[in-house]
Protein backbone atom coordinates (compact mmCIF):
# COMPACT_ATOMS: atom_id res chain seq x y z
CA UNK A 1 -10.12 16.12 -19.35
CA UNK A 2 -6.40 15.54 -19.42
CA UNK A 3 -5.16 12.22 -18.10
CA UNK A 4 -1.97 11.95 -16.17
CA UNK A 5 -0.20 9.48 -13.89
CA UNK A 6 -0.86 9.32 -10.19
CA UNK A 7 0.56 7.21 -7.40
CA UNK A 8 -1.82 6.00 -4.74
CA UNK A 9 -0.61 4.44 -1.52
CA UNK A 10 -3.05 2.53 0.65
CA UNK A 11 -2.52 1.43 4.22
CA UNK A 12 -4.98 -1.30 5.16
CA UNK A 13 -4.89 -1.41 8.94
CA UNK A 14 -7.18 -4.44 9.31
CA UNK A 15 -6.80 -6.75 6.34
CA UNK A 16 -9.49 -9.17 7.53
CA UNK A 17 -12.24 -6.59 7.65
CA UNK A 18 -11.32 -4.40 4.64
CA UNK A 19 -9.97 -6.92 2.14
CA UNK A 20 -13.18 -7.61 0.16
CA UNK A 21 -14.22 -3.95 0.03
CA UNK A 22 -10.82 -2.79 -1.14
CA UNK A 23 -10.70 -5.40 -3.89
CA UNK A 24 -14.18 -4.49 -5.03
CA UNK A 25 -13.19 -0.85 -5.53
CA UNK A 26 -9.87 -1.85 -7.22
CA UNK A 27 -11.83 -4.00 -9.66
CA UNK A 28 -14.18 -1.07 -10.42
CA UNK A 29 -11.18 1.03 -11.48
CA UNK A 30 -9.08 -1.77 -13.01
CA UNK A 31 -9.04 -0.07 -16.48
CA UNK A 32 -7.13 2.87 -14.95
CA UNK A 33 -4.61 0.85 -12.89
CA UNK A 34 -1.24 0.44 -14.63
CA UNK A 35 0.68 -1.14 -11.70
CA UNK A 36 -0.43 -2.73 -8.43
CA UNK A 37 2.01 -3.95 -5.81
CA UNK A 38 0.75 -5.40 -2.53
CA UNK A 39 2.84 -5.96 0.56
CA UNK A 40 1.10 -7.86 3.39
CA UNK A 41 2.67 -7.45 6.84
CA UNK A 42 1.10 -10.48 8.43
CA UNK A 43 2.77 -10.16 11.82
CA UNK A 44 1.21 -6.73 12.23
CA UNK A 45 -2.11 -7.55 10.50
CA UNK A 46 -1.71 -4.74 7.97
CA UNK A 47 -1.28 -4.44 4.23
CA UNK A 48 0.33 -1.80 2.07
CA UNK A 49 -0.75 -1.38 -1.57
CA UNK A 50 1.02 0.84 -4.11
CA UNK A 51 -0.82 1.77 -7.31
CA UNK A 52 0.23 3.61 -10.48
CA UNK A 53 -2.92 4.94 -12.10
CA UNK A 54 -3.51 6.87 -15.32
CA UNK A 55 -6.71 8.92 -15.21
CA UNK A 56 -8.11 12.42 -15.06
CA UNK A 57 -8.38 14.37 -11.82
CA UNK A 58 -12.11 13.71 -11.29
CA UNK A 59 -11.63 9.96 -11.68
CA UNK A 60 -8.75 9.94 -9.20
CA UNK A 61 -10.82 11.92 -6.75
CA UNK A 62 -13.70 9.51 -6.94
CA UNK A 63 -11.35 6.47 -6.75
CA UNK A 64 -9.44 7.74 -3.75
CA UNK A 65 -12.65 8.89 -2.11
CA UNK A 66 -14.24 5.45 -2.40
CA UNK A 67 -11.20 3.79 -0.98
CA UNK A 68 -10.97 6.34 1.84
CA UNK A 69 -14.50 5.64 2.91
CA UNK A 70 -13.64 2.05 3.76
CA UNK A 71 -13.03 1.53 7.48
CA UNK A 72 -9.41 0.82 8.39
CA UNK A 73 -8.06 2.14 5.02
CA UNK A 74 -5.85 5.22 4.70
CA UNK A 75 -5.23 6.60 1.18
CA UNK A 76 -2.69 9.11 -0.13
CA UNK A 77 -2.45 10.21 -3.75
CA UNK A 78 0.14 12.17 -5.63
CA UNK A 79 0.09 13.43 -9.22
CA UNK A 80 3.22 12.89 -11.27
CA UNK A 81 4.44 15.65 -13.58
CA UNK A 82 5.03 15.08 -17.22
């Protein structure tokens, strides 16, 4: 399949409960991640993570799906054109 760049945005609404699960999935897909930027908003107890990922459509679907199954995590993905 054809690889392309994607941007994934994660909103972690409860950092304490979701942190370990999110990091586990991110480590599973570390070979695809080209950029990771995390922004903790401690006063609100949330975290925002931006990812730039290079993968095929099936891999992105599986990756976003696993992240989206974690309680208190909202995921949005967008494919970037070449």
